[in-house]
Amino acid sequence: MAANAIELTDANFATETSKGVCLVDFWAEWCPPCRMVTPIVEELAADYAGKAKICKLDTDAHRQTAGQFSVTAIPTLIVFKDGEVAKRFTGVTSKQDLKKSLDEALA
């Protein structure tokens, strides 16, 4: 689990993503590509502290939210702006691409 990332659940997802910019990493413990993304998510959590929320949602434990956003492959990373999907990535994604999307959403 990313040390600085906010852990999301089906119960708190809407509240945490409703205001501002938020990156959500949809992941699962058994997923090797998800583990490859974890260090990137941790770095982004530090880089964007106070500017954007960086979050993780375990798709095995919180299937309702994963289904709501049609997450059928993981890792899926979604940038939300005020509760709306701004950008979506599936598979291992570079820190540079994620930063670009976060910066665009913050602009």
PDB file of N, CA and C in Angstrom:
ATOM      1  N   MET A   1       0.862  -1.196   0.000  1.00  0.00           N
ATOM      2  CA  MET A   1       0.000   0.000   0.000  1.00  0.00           C
ATOM      3  C   MET A   1       0.896   1.242   0.000  1.00  0.00           C
ATOM      4  N   ALA A   2       0.529   2.179  -0.803  1.00  0.00           N
ATOM      5  CA  ALA A   2       1.294   3.424  -0.867  1.00  0.00           C
ATOM      6  C   ALA A   2       1.171   4.164   0.463  1.00  0.00           C
ATOM      7  N   ALA A   3       2.297   4.562   1.000  1.00  0.00           N
ATOM      8  CA  ALA A   3       2.330   5.170   2.328  1.00  0.00           C
ATOM      9  C   ALA A   3       1.523   6.461   2.400  1.00  0.00           C
ATOM     10  N   ASN A   4       1.605   7.294   1.377  1.00  0.00           N
ATOM     11  CA  ASN A   4       0.943   8.594   1.416  1.00  0.00           C
ATOM     12  C   ASN A   4      -0.404   8.612   0.703  1.00  0.00           C
ATOM     13  N   ALA A   5      -0.725   7.550  -0.007  1.00  0.00           N
ATOM     14  CA  ALA A   5      -1.973   7.515  -0.760  1.00  0.00           C
ATOM     15  C   ALA A   5      -3.151   7.259   0.181  1.00  0.00           C
ATOM     16  N   ILE A   6      -4.284   7.813  -0.161  1.00  0.00           N
ATOM     17  CA  ILE A   6      -5.504   7.632   0.616  1.00  0.00           C
ATOM     18  C   ILE A   6      -6.139   6.320   0.182  1.00  0.00           C
ATOM     19  N   GLU A   7      -6.483   5.485   1.143  1.00  0.00           N
ATOM     20  CA  GLU A   7      -7.129   4.213   0.831  1.00  0.00           C
ATOM     21  C   GLU A   7      -8.629   4.437   0.687  1.00  0.00           C
ATOM     22  N   LEU A   8      -9.152   4.147  -0.498  1.00  0.00           N
ATOM     23  CA  LEU A   8     -10.572   4.337  -0.760  1.00  0.00           C
ATOM     24  C   LEU A   8     -11.334   3.033  -0.570  1.00  0.00           C
ATOM     25  N   THR A   9     -12.619   3.191  -0.250  1.00  0.00           N
ATOM     26  CA  THR A   9     -13.539   2.062  -0.102  1.00  0.00           C
ATOM     27  C   THR A   9     -14.822   2.402  -0.853  1.00  0.00           C
ATOM     28  N   ASP A  10     -15.702   1.425  -0.981  1.00  0.00           N
ATOM     29  CA  ASP A  10     -17.009   1.720  -1.578  1.00  0.00           C
ATOM     30  C   ASP A  10     -17.715   2.816  -0.781  1.00  0.00           C
ATOM     31  N   ALA A  11     -17.507   2.823   0.542  1.00  0.00           N
ATOM     32  CA  ALA A  11     -18.208   3.771   1.421  1.00  0.00           C
ATOM     33  C   ALA A  11     -17.697   5.200   1.290  1.00  0.00           C
ATOM     34  N   ASN A  12     -16.385   5.402   1.120  1.00  0.00           N
ATOM     35  CA  ASN A  12     -15.857   6.777   1.121  1.00  0.00           C
ATOM     36  C   ASN A  12     -15.486   7.295  -0.276  1.00  0.00           C
ATOM     37  N   PHE A  13     -15.646   6.495  -1.303  1.00  0.00           N
ATOM     38  CA  PHE A  13     -15.187   6.874  -2.639  1.00  0.00           C
ATOM     39  C   PHE A  13     -15.799   8.195  -3.112  1.00  0.00           C
ATOM     40  N   ALA A  14     -17.114   8.307  -3.085  1.00  0.00           N
ATOM     41  CA  ALA A  14     -17.791   9.503  -3.609  1.00  0.00           C
ATOM     42  C   ALA A  14     -17.362  10.750  -2.843  1.00  0.00           C
ATOM     43  N   THR A  15     -17.248  10.654  -1.533  1.00  0.00           N
ATOM     44  CA  THR A  15     -16.855  11.804  -0.713  1.00  0.00           C
ATOM     45  C   THR A  15     -15.435  12.250  -1.040  1.00  0.00           C
ATOM     46  N   GLU A  16     -14.515  11.293  -1.144  1.00  0.00           N
ATOM     47  CA  GLU A  16     -13.110  11.629  -1.365  1.00  0.00           C
ATOM     48  C   GLU A  16     -12.841  12.176  -2.769  1.00  0.00           C
ATOM     49  N   THR A  17     -13.636  11.776  -3.761  1.00  0.00           N
ATOM     50  CA  THR A  17     -13.364  12.185  -5.143  1.00  0.00           C
ATOM     51  C   THR A  17     -14.265  13.316  -5.633  1.00  0.00           C
ATOM     52  N   SER A  18     -15.167  13.807  -4.796  1.00  0.00           N
ATOM     53  CA  SER A  18     -16.171  14.766  -5.260  1.00  0.00           C
ATOM     54  C   SER A  18     -15.646  16.183  -5.483  1.00  0.00           C
ATOM     55  N   LYS A  19     -14.578  16.573  -4.791  1.00  0.00           N
ATOM     56  CA  LYS A  19     -14.062  17.946  -4.903  1.00  0.00           C
ATOM     57  C   LYS A  19     -12.585  17.932  -5.236  1.00  0.00           C
ATOM     58  N   GLY A  20     -12.190  18.820  -6.131  1.00  0.00           N
ATOM     59  CA  GLY A  20     -10.783  18.947  -6.475  1.00  0.00           C
ATOM     60  C   GLY A  20     -10.334  17.869  -7.441  1.00  0.00           C
ATOM     61  N   VAL A  21      -9.014  17.693  -7.516  1.00  0.00           N
ATOM     62  CA  VAL A  21      -8.410  16.726  -8.429  1.00  0.00           C
ATOM     63  C   VAL A  21      -7.956  15.517  -7.622  1.00  0.00           C
ATOM     64  N   CYS A  22      -8.245  14.348  -8.163  1.00  0.00           N
ATOM     65  CA  CYS A  22      -7.952  13.105  -7.466  1.00  0.00           C
ATOM     66  C   CYS A  22      -7.528  12.050  -8.480  1.00  0.00           C
ATOM     67  N   LEU A  23      -6.418  11.379  -8.220  1.00  0.00           N
ATOM     68  CA  LEU A  23      -5.990  10.233  -9.017  1.00  0.00           C
ATOM     69  C   LEU A  23      -6.317   8.981  -8.220  1.00  0.00           C
ATOM     70  N   VAL A  24      -7.047   8.054  -8.848  1.00  0.00           N
ATOM     71  CA  VAL A  24      -7.381   6.799  -8.184  1.00  0.00           C
ATOM     72  C   VAL A  24      -6.716   5.640  -8.931  1.00  0.00           C
ATOM     73  N   ASP A  25      -5.943   4.863  -8.183  1.00  0.00           N
ATOM     74  CA  ASP A  25      -5.304   3.652  -8.694  1.00  0.00           C
ATOM     75  C   ASP A  25      -6.200   2.480  -8.300  1.00  0.00           C
ATOM     76  N   PHE A  26      -6.870   1.870  -9.288  1.00  0.00           N
ATOM     77  CA  PHE A  26      -7.666   0.671  -9.057  1.00  0.00           C
ATOM     78  C   PHE A  26      -6.712  -0.511  -9.190  1.00  0.00           C
ATOM     79  N   TRP A  27      -6.532  -1.296  -8.126  1.00  0.00           N
ATOM     80  CA  TRP A  27      -5.497  -2.312  -8.069  1.00  0.00           C
ATOM     81  C   TRP A  27      -5.985  -3.534  -7.295  1.00  0.00           C
ATOM     82  N   ALA A  28      -5.147  -4.579  -7.278  1.00  0.00           N
ATOM     83  CA  ALA A  28      -5.383  -5.758  -6.440  1.00  0.00           C
ATOM     84  C   ALA A  28      -4.028  -6.320  -6.007  1.00  0.00           C
ATOM     85  N   GLU A  29      -4.014  -6.939  -4.848  1.00  0.00           N
ATOM     86  CA  GLU A  29      -2.785  -7.464  -4.252  1.00  0.00           C
ATOM     87  C   GLU A  29      -2.093  -8.491  -5.144  1.00  0.00           C
ATOM     88  N   TRP A  30      -2.859  -9.307  -5.835  1.00  0.00           N
ATOM     89  CA  TRP A  30      -2.312 -10.415  -6.635  1.00  0.00           C
ATOM     90  C   TRP A  30      -1.791  -9.984  -8.009  1.00  0.00           C
ATOM     91  N   CYS A  31      -1.908  -8.716  -8.353  1.00  0.00           N
ATOM     92  CA  CYS A  31      -1.634  -8.212  -9.707  1.00  0.00           C
ATOM     93  C   CYS A  31      -0.197  -7.674  -9.830  1.00  0.00           C
ATOM     94  N   PRO A  32       0.717  -8.405 -10.526  1.00  0.00           N
ATOM     95  CA  PRO A  32       2.102  -7.917 -10.671  1.00  0.00           C
ATOM     96  C   PRO A  32       2.216  -6.533 -11.323  1.00  0.00           C
ATOM     97  N   PRO A  33       1.466  -6.214 -12.401  1.00  0.00           N
ATOM     98  CA  PRO A  33       1.561  -4.856 -12.952  1.00  0.00           C
ATOM     99  C   PRO A  33       1.124  -3.784 -11.955  1.00  0.00           C
ATOM    100  N   CYS A  34       0.169  -4.127 -11.085  1.00  0.00           N
ATOM    101  CA  CYS A  34      -0.261  -3.175 -10.056  1.00  0.00           C
ATOM    102  C   CYS A  34       0.893  -2.862  -9.110  1.00  0.00           C
ATOM    103  N   ARG A  35       1.671  -3.881  -8.779  1.00  0.00           N
ATOM    104  CA  ARG A  35       2.818  -3.670  -7.889  1.00  0.00           C
ATOM    105  C   ARG A  35       3.877  -2.804  -8.574  1.00  0.00           C
ATOM    106  N   MET A  36       3.944  -2.869  -9.905  1.00  0.00           N
ATOM    107  CA  MET A  36       4.885  -2.016 -10.639  1.00  0.00           C
ATOM    108  C   MET A  36       4.465  -0.547 -10.562  1.00  0.00           C
ATOM    109  N   VAL A  37       3.175  -0.294 -10.478  1.00  0.00           N
ATOM    110  CA  VAL A  37       2.638   1.075 -10.450  1.00  0.00           C
ATOM    111  C   VAL A  37       2.734   1.671  -9.042  1.00  0.00           C
ATOM    112  N   THR A  38       2.742   0.830  -8.008  1.00  0.00           N
ATOM    113  CA  THR A  38       2.723   1.322  -6.628  1.00  0.00           C
ATOM    114  C   THR A  38       3.810   2.358  -6.328  1.00  0.00           C
ATOM    115  N   PRO A  39       5.087   2.141  -6.708  1.00  0.00           N
ATOM    116  CA  PRO A  39       6.094   3.178  -6.406  1.00  0.00           C
ATOM    117  C   PRO A  39       5.803   4.506  -7.094  1.00  0.00           C
ATOM    118  N   ILE A  40       5.226   4.463  -8.294  1.00  0.00           N
ATOM    119  CA  ILE A  40       4.865   5.696  -9.012  1.00  0.00           C
ATOM    120  C   ILE A  40       3.771   6.421  -8.244  1.00  0.00           C
ATOM    121  N   VAL A  41       2.770   5.680  -7.788  1.00  0.00           N
ATOM    122  CA  VAL A  41       1.662   6.275  -7.025  1.00  0.00           C
ATOM    123  C   VAL A  41       2.192   6.883  -5.725  1.00  0.00           C
ATOM    124  N   GLU A  42       3.124   6.193  -5.066  1.00  0.00           N
ATOM    125  CA  GLU A  42       3.714   6.724  -3.835  1.00  0.00           C
ATOM    126  C   GLU A  42       4.445   8.040  -4.102  1.00  0.00           C
ATOM    127  N   GLU A  43       5.218   8.092  -5.196  1.00  0.00           N
ATOM    128  CA  GLU A  43       5.939   9.324  -5.544  1.00  0.00           C
ATOM    129  C   GLU A  43       4.967  10.454  -5.850  1.00  0.00           C
ATOM    130  N   LEU A  44       3.898  10.153  -6.582  1.00  0.00           N
ATOM    131  CA  LEU A  44       2.909  11.182  -6.906  1.00  0.00           C
ATOM    132  C   LEU A  44       2.214  11.693  -5.650  1.00  0.00           C
ATOM    133  N   ALA A  45       1.965  10.810  -4.689  1.00  0.00           N
ATOM    134  CA  ALA A  45       1.331  11.235  -3.436  1.00  0.00           C
ATOM    135  C   ALA A  45       2.201  12.268  -2.731  1.00  0.00           C
ATOM    136  N   ALA A  46       3.518  12.060  -2.767  1.00  0.00           N
ATOM    137  CA  ALA A  46       4.433  13.032  -2.157  1.00  0.00           C
ATOM    138  C   ALA A  46       4.512  14.301  -3.000  1.00  0.00           C
ATOM    139  N   ASP A  47       4.618  14.141  -4.317  1.00  0.00           N
ATOM    140  CA  ASP A  47       4.769  15.286  -5.229  1.00  0.00           C
ATOM    141  C   ASP A  47       3.546  16.209  -5.216  1.00  0.00           C
ATOM    142  N   TYR A  48       2.354  15.635  -5.056  1.00  0.00           N
ATOM    143  CA  TYR A  48       1.123  16.415  -5.159  1.00  0.00           C
ATOM    144  C   TYR A  48       0.438  16.657  -3.818  1.00  0.00           C
ATOM    145  N   ALA A  49       1.152  16.431  -2.724  1.00  0.00           N
ATOM    146  CA  ALA A  49       0.590  16.685  -1.389  1.00  0.00           C
ATOM    147  C   ALA A  49       0.096  18.128  -1.305  1.00  0.00           C
ATOM    148  N   GLY A  50      -1.144  18.308  -0.908  1.00  0.00           N
ATOM    149  CA  GLY A  50      -1.723  19.639  -0.791  1.00  0.00           C
ATOM    150  C   GLY A  50      -2.274  20.188  -2.089  1.00  0.00           C
ATOM    151  N   LYS A  51      -2.046  19.496  -3.221  1.00  0.00           N
ATOM    152  CA  LYS A  51      -2.542  19.969  -4.522  1.00  0.00           C
ATOM    153  C   LYS A  51      -3.614  19.043  -5.085  1.00  0.00           C
ATOM    154  N   ALA A  52      -3.382  17.733  -4.956  1.00  0.00           N
ATOM    155  CA  ALA A  52      -4.324  16.739  -5.482  1.00  0.00           C
ATOM    156  C   ALA A  52      -4.296  15.526  -4.564  1.00  0.00           C
ATOM    157  N   LYS A  53      -5.405  14.817  -4.496  1.00  0.00           N
ATOM    158  CA  LYS A  53      -5.462  13.579  -3.718  1.00  0.00           C
ATOM    159  C   LYS A  53      -4.973  12.438  -4.595  1.00  0.00           C
ATOM    160  N   ILE A  54      -4.124  11.606  -4.023  1.00  0.00           N
ATOM    161  CA  ILE A  54      -3.645  10.407  -4.704  1.00  0.00           C
ATOM    162  C   ILE A  54      -4.179   9.230  -3.880  1.00  0.00           C
ATOM    163  N   CYS A  55      -4.958   8.381  -4.538  1.00  0.00           N
ATOM    164  CA  CYS A  55      -5.703   7.351  -3.819  1.00  0.00           C
ATOM    165  C   CYS A  55      -5.532   5.982  -4.455  1.00  0.00           C
ATOM    166  N   LYS A  56      -5.836   4.950  -3.660  1.00  0.00           N
ATOM    167  CA  LYS A  56      -5.821   3.577  -4.140  1.00  0.00           C
ATOM    168  C   LYS A  56      -7.131   2.912  -3.732  1.00  0.00           C
ATOM    169  N   LEU A  57      -7.670   2.072  -4.629  1.00  0.00           N
ATOM    170  CA  LEU A  57      -8.873   1.311  -4.319  1.00  0.00           C
ATOM    171  C   LEU A  57      -8.624  -0.145  -4.687  1.00  0.00           C
ATOM    172  N   ASP A  58      -8.712  -1.032  -3.690  1.00  0.00           N
ATOM    173  CA  ASP A  58      -8.531  -2.467  -3.894  1.00  0.00           C
ATOM    174  C   ASP A  58      -9.797  -3.005  -4.567  1.00  0.00           C
ATOM    175  N   THR A  59      -9.660  -3.427  -5.822  1.00  0.00           N
ATOM    176  CA  THR A  59     -10.838  -3.853  -6.593  1.00  0.00           C
ATOM    177  C   THR A  59     -11.431  -5.158  -6.074  1.00  0.00           C
ATOM    178  N   ASP A  60     -10.644  -5.984  -5.407  1.00  0.00           N
ATOM    179  CA  ASP A  60     -11.192  -7.219  -4.837  1.00  0.00           C
ATOM    180  C   ASP A  60     -12.084  -6.920  -3.639  1.00  0.00           C
ATOM    181  N   ALA A  61     -11.676  -5.974  -2.824  1.00  0.00           N
ATOM    182  CA  ALA A  61     -12.424  -5.641  -1.617  1.00  0.00           C
ATOM    183  C   ALA A  61     -13.582  -4.682  -1.880  1.00  0.00           C
ATOM    184  N   HIS A  62     -13.504  -3.926  -2.975  1.00  0.00           N
ATOM    185  CA  HIS A  62     -14.507  -2.882  -3.236  1.00  0.00           C
ATOM    186  C   HIS A  62     -15.003  -2.985  -4.677  1.00  0.00           C
ATOM    187  N   ARG A  63     -15.655  -4.092  -4.953  1.00  0.00           N
ATOM    188  CA  ARG A  63     -16.112  -4.404  -6.315  1.00  0.00           C
ATOM    189  C   ARG A  63     -17.193  -3.449  -6.825  1.00  0.00           C
ATOM    190  N   GLN A  64     -18.008  -2.920  -5.939  1.00  0.00           N
ATOM    191  CA  GLN A  64     -19.094  -2.036  -6.361  1.00  0.00           C
ATOM    192  C   GLN A  64     -18.543  -0.805  -7.088  1.00  0.00           C
ATOM    193  N   THR A  65     -17.565  -0.150  -6.500  1.00  0.00           N
ATOM    194  CA  THR A  65     -16.992   1.043  -7.114  1.00  0.00           C
ATOM    195  C   THR A  65     -16.240   0.690  -8.388  1.00  0.00           C
ATOM    196  N   ALA A  66     -15.486  -0.409  -8.369  1.00  0.00           N
ATOM    197  CA  ALA A  66     -14.779  -0.840  -9.576  1.00  0.00           C
ATOM    198  C   ALA A  66     -15.781  -1.079 -10.709  1.00  0.00           C
ATOM    199  N   GLY A  67     -16.894  -1.704 -10.401  1.00  0.00           N
ATOM    200  CA  GLY A  67     -17.932  -1.948 -11.408  1.00  0.00           C
ATOM    201  C   GLY A  67     -18.583  -0.671 -11.897  1.00  0.00           C
ATOM    202  N   GLN A  68     -18.773   0.271 -10.999  1.00  0.00           N
ATOM    203  CA  GLN A  68     -19.398   1.553 -11.353  1.00  0.00           C
ATOM    204  C   GLN A  68     -18.594   2.269 -12.440  1.00  0.00           C
ATOM    205  N   PHE A  69     -17.275   2.104 -12.412  1.00  0.00           N
ATOM    206  CA  PHE A  69     -16.408   2.758 -13.393  1.00  0.00           C
ATOM    207  C   PHE A  69     -15.904   1.785 -14.459  1.00  0.00           C
ATOM    208  N   SER A  70     -16.584   0.645 -14.586  1.00  0.00           N
ATOM    209  CA  SER A  70     -16.283  -0.353 -15.618  1.00  0.00           C
ATOM    210  C   SER A  70     -14.812  -0.749 -15.640  1.00  0.00           C
ATOM    211  N   VAL A  71     -14.245  -0.940 -14.462  1.00  0.00           N
ATOM    212  CA  VAL A  71     -12.854  -1.372 -14.363  1.00  0.00           C
ATOM    213  C   VAL A  71     -12.830  -2.885 -14.580  1.00  0.00           C
ATOM    214  N   THR A  72     -12.384  -3.295 -15.762  1.00  0.00           N
ATOM    215  CA  THR A  72     -12.331  -4.716 -16.105  1.00  0.00           C
ATOM    216  C   THR A  72     -10.905  -5.220 -16.212  1.00  0.00           C
ATOM    217  N   ALA A  73      -9.938  -4.326 -16.224  1.00  0.00           N
ATOM    218  CA  ALA A  73      -8.523  -4.683 -16.255  1.00  0.00           C
ATOM    219  C   ALA A  73      -7.803  -3.794 -15.252  1.00  0.00           C
ATOM    220  N   ILE A  74      -6.816  -4.362 -14.572  1.00  0.00           N
ATOM    221  CA  ILE A  74      -6.048  -3.578 -13.614  1.00  0.00           C
ATOM    222  C   ILE A  74      -4.563  -3.737 -13.906  1.00  0.00           C
ATOM    223  N   PRO A  75      -3.768  -2.730 -13.586  1.00  0.00           N
ATOM    224  CA  PRO A  75      -4.195  -1.490 -12.942  1.00  0.00           C
ATOM    225  C   PRO A  75      -4.943  -0.565 -13.909  1.00  0.00           C
ATOM    226  N   THR A  76      -5.945   0.089 -13.382  1.00  0.00           N
ATOM    227  CA  THR A  76      -6.612   1.187 -14.075  1.00  0.00           C
ATOM    228  C   THR A  76      -6.414   2.410 -13.198  1.00  0.00           C
ATOM    229  N   LEU A  77      -5.970   3.507 -13.808  1.00  0.00           N
ATOM    230  CA  LEU A  77      -5.775   4.753 -13.074  1.00  0.00           C
ATOM    231  C   LEU A  77      -6.680   5.805 -13.686  1.00  0.00           C
ATOM    232  N   ILE A  78      -7.486   6.441 -12.846  1.00  0.00           N
ATOM    233  CA  ILE A  78      -8.437   7.441 -13.325  1.00  0.00           C
ATOM    234  C   ILE A  78      -8.189   8.755 -12.586  1.00  0.00           C
ATOM    235  N   VAL A  79      -8.080   9.825 -13.369  1.00  0.00           N
ATOM    236  CA  VAL A  79      -7.984  11.169 -12.808  1.00  0.00           C
ATOM    237  C   VAL A  79      -9.397  11.743 -12.771  1.00  0.00           C
ATOM    238  N   PHE A  80      -9.820  12.159 -11.586  1.00  0.00           N
ATOM    239  CA  PHE A  80     -11.128  12.785 -11.399  1.00  0.00           C
ATOM    240  C   PHE A  80     -10.931  14.262 -11.136  1.00  0.00           C
ATOM    241  N   LYS A  81     -11.836  15.073 -11.660  1.00  0.00           N
ATOM    242  CA  LYS A  81     -11.876  16.495 -11.336  1.00  0.00           C
ATOM    243  C   LYS A  81     -13.294  16.809 -10.893  1.00  0.00           C
ATOM    244  N   ASP A  82     -13.436  17.201  -9.638  1.00  0.00           N
ATOM    245  CA  ASP A  82     -14.738  17.490  -9.038  1.00  0.00           C
ATOM    246  C   ASP A  82     -15.739  16.355  -9.285  1.00  0.00           C
ATOM    247  N   GLY A  83     -15.261  15.120  -9.107  1.00  0.00           N
ATOM    248  CA  GLY A  83     -16.124  13.951  -9.202  1.00  0.00           C
ATOM    249  C   GLY A  83     -16.342  13.393 -10.598  1.00  0.00           C
ATOM    250  N   GLU A  84     -15.836  14.087 -11.613  1.00  0.00           N
ATOM    251  CA  GLU A  84     -16.010  13.648 -12.998  1.00  0.00           C
ATOM    252  C   GLU A  84     -14.702  13.067 -13.533  1.00  0.00           C
ATOM    253  N   VAL A  85     -14.812  12.032 -14.367  1.00  0.00           N
ATOM    254  CA  VAL A  85     -13.620  11.428 -14.958  1.00  0.00           C
ATOM    255  C   VAL A  85     -12.991  12.412 -15.940  1.00  0.00           C
ATOM    256  N   ALA A  86     -11.719  12.740 -15.706  1.00  0.00           N
ATOM    257  CA  ALA A  86     -10.991  13.648 -16.594  1.00  0.00           C
ATOM    258  C   ALA A  86     -10.084  12.872 -17.549  1.00  0.00           C
ATOM    259  N   LYS A  87      -9.508  11.772 -17.071  1.00  0.00           N
ATOM    260  CA  LYS A  87      -8.581  10.973 -17.881  1.00  0.00           C
ATOM    261  C   LYS A  87      -8.531   9.572 -17.297  1.00  0.00           C
ATOM    262  N   ARG A  88      -8.356   8.599 -18.180  1.00  0.00           N
ATOM    263  CA  ARG A  88      -8.340   7.199 -17.756  1.00  0.00           C
ATOM    264  C   ARG A  88      -7.179   6.476 -18.423  1.00  0.00           C
ATOM    265  N   PHE A  89      -6.461   5.674 -17.630  1.00  0.00           N
ATOM    266  CA  PHE A  89      -5.352   4.865 -18.127  1.00  0.00           C
ATOM    267  C   PHE A  89      -5.585   3.422 -17.703  1.00  0.00           C
ATOM    268  N   THR A  90      -5.254   2.482 -18.584  1.00  0.00           N
ATOM    269  CA  THR A  90      -5.307   1.064 -18.230  1.00  0.00           C
ATOM    270  C   THR A  90      -3.936   0.471 -18.481  1.00  0.00           C
ATOM    271  N   GLY A  91      -3.451  -0.300 -17.498  1.00  0.00           N
ATOM    272  CA  GLY A  91      -2.130  -0.903 -17.598  1.00  0.00           C
ATOM    273  C   GLY A  91      -1.086  -0.028 -16.929  1.00  0.00           C
ATOM    274  N   VAL A  92       0.146  -0.516 -16.938  1.00  0.00           N
ATOM    275  CA  VAL A  92       1.247   0.238 -16.327  1.00  0.00           C
ATOM    276  C   VAL A  92       1.401   1.550 -17.088  1.00  0.00           C
ATOM    277  N   THR A  93       1.381   2.642 -16.352  1.00  0.00           N
ATOM    278  CA  THR A  93       1.423   3.984 -16.934  1.00  0.00           C
ATOM    279  C   THR A  93       2.602   4.735 -16.346  1.00  0.00           C
ATOM    280  N   SER A  94       3.288   5.511 -17.176  1.00  0.00           N
ATOM    281  CA  SER A  94       4.467   6.228 -16.700  1.00  0.00           C
ATOM    282  C   SER A  94       4.092   7.370 -15.757  1.00  0.00           C
ATOM    283  N   LYS A  95       5.031   7.687 -14.880  1.00  0.00           N
ATOM    284  CA  LYS A  95       4.842   8.817 -13.974  1.00  0.00           C
ATOM    285  C   LYS A  95       4.649  10.100 -14.785  1.00  0.00           C
ATOM    286  N   GLN A  96       5.391  10.231 -15.877  1.00  0.00           N
ATOM    287  CA  GLN A  96       5.290  11.424 -16.718  1.00  0.00           C
ATOM    288  C   GLN A  96       3.870  11.595 -17.267  1.00  0.00           C
ATOM    289  N   ASP A  97       3.264  10.520 -17.760  1.00  0.00           N
ATOM    290  CA  ASP A  97       1.902  10.603 -18.297  1.00  0.00           C
ATOM    291  C   ASP A  97       0.891  10.946 -17.204  1.00  0.00           C
ATOM    292  N   LEU A  98       1.069  10.357 -16.037  1.00  0.00           N
ATOM    293  CA  LEU A  98       0.145  10.647 -14.930  1.00  0.00           C
ATOM    294  C   LEU A  98       0.305  12.085 -14.470  1.00  0.00           C
ATOM    295  N   LYS A  99       1.549  12.565 -14.362  1.00  0.00           N
ATOM    296  CA  LYS A  99       1.791  13.959 -13.958  1.00  0.00           C
ATOM    297  C   LYS A  99       1.147  14.922 -14.947  1.00  0.00           C
ATOM    298  N   LYS A 100       1.293  14.635 -16.253  1.00  0.00           N
ATOM    299  CA  LYS A 100       0.714  15.502 -17.274  1.00  0.00           C
ATOM    300  C   LYS A 100      -0.803  15.610 -17.088  1.00  0.00           C
ATOM    301  N   SER A 101      -1.450  14.486 -16.853  1.00  0.00           N
ATOM    302  CA  SER A 101      -2.902  14.498 -16.666  1.00  0.00           C
ATOM    303  C   SER A 101      -3.310  15.215 -15.387  1.00  0.00           C
ATOM    304  N   LEU A 102      -2.555  15.006 -14.309  1.00  0.00           N
ATOM    305  CA  LEU A 102      -2.844  15.715 -13.069  1.00  0.00           C
ATOM    306  C   LEU A 102      -2.667  17.224 -13.257  1.00  0.00           C
ATOM    307  N   ASP A 103      -1.579  17.621 -13.898  1.00  0.00           N
ATOM    308  CA  ASP A 103      -1.321  19.046 -14.117  1.00  0.00           C
ATOM    309  C   ASP A 103      -2.409  19.681 -14.984  1.00  0.00           C
ATOM    310  N   GLU A 104      -2.871  18.957 -16.015  1.00  0.00           N
ATOM    311  CA  GLU A 104      -3.955  19.470 -16.863  1.00  0.00           C
ATOM    312  C   GLU A 104      -5.240  19.644 -16.050  1.00  0.00           C
ATOM    313  N   ALA A 105      -5.533  18.692 -15.183  1.00  0.00           N
ATOM    314  CA  ALA A 105      -6.741  18.767 -14.367  1.00  0.00           C
ATOM    315  C   ALA A 105      -6.648  19.894 -13.339  1.00  0.00           C
ATOM    316  N   LEU A 106      -5.441  20.167 -12.867  1.00  0.00           N
ATOM    317  CA  LEU A 106      -5.240  21.239 -11.882  1.00  0.00           C
ATOM    318  C   LEU A 106      -5.249  22.632 -12.511  1.00  0.00           C
ATOM    319  N   ALA A 107      -5.000  22.705 -13.807  1.00  0.00           N
ATOM    320  CA  ALA A 107      -4.893  24.009 -14.493  1.00  0.00           C
ATOM    321  C   ALA A 107      -6.217  24.742 -14.553  1.00  0.00           C
TER     322      ALA A 107
END
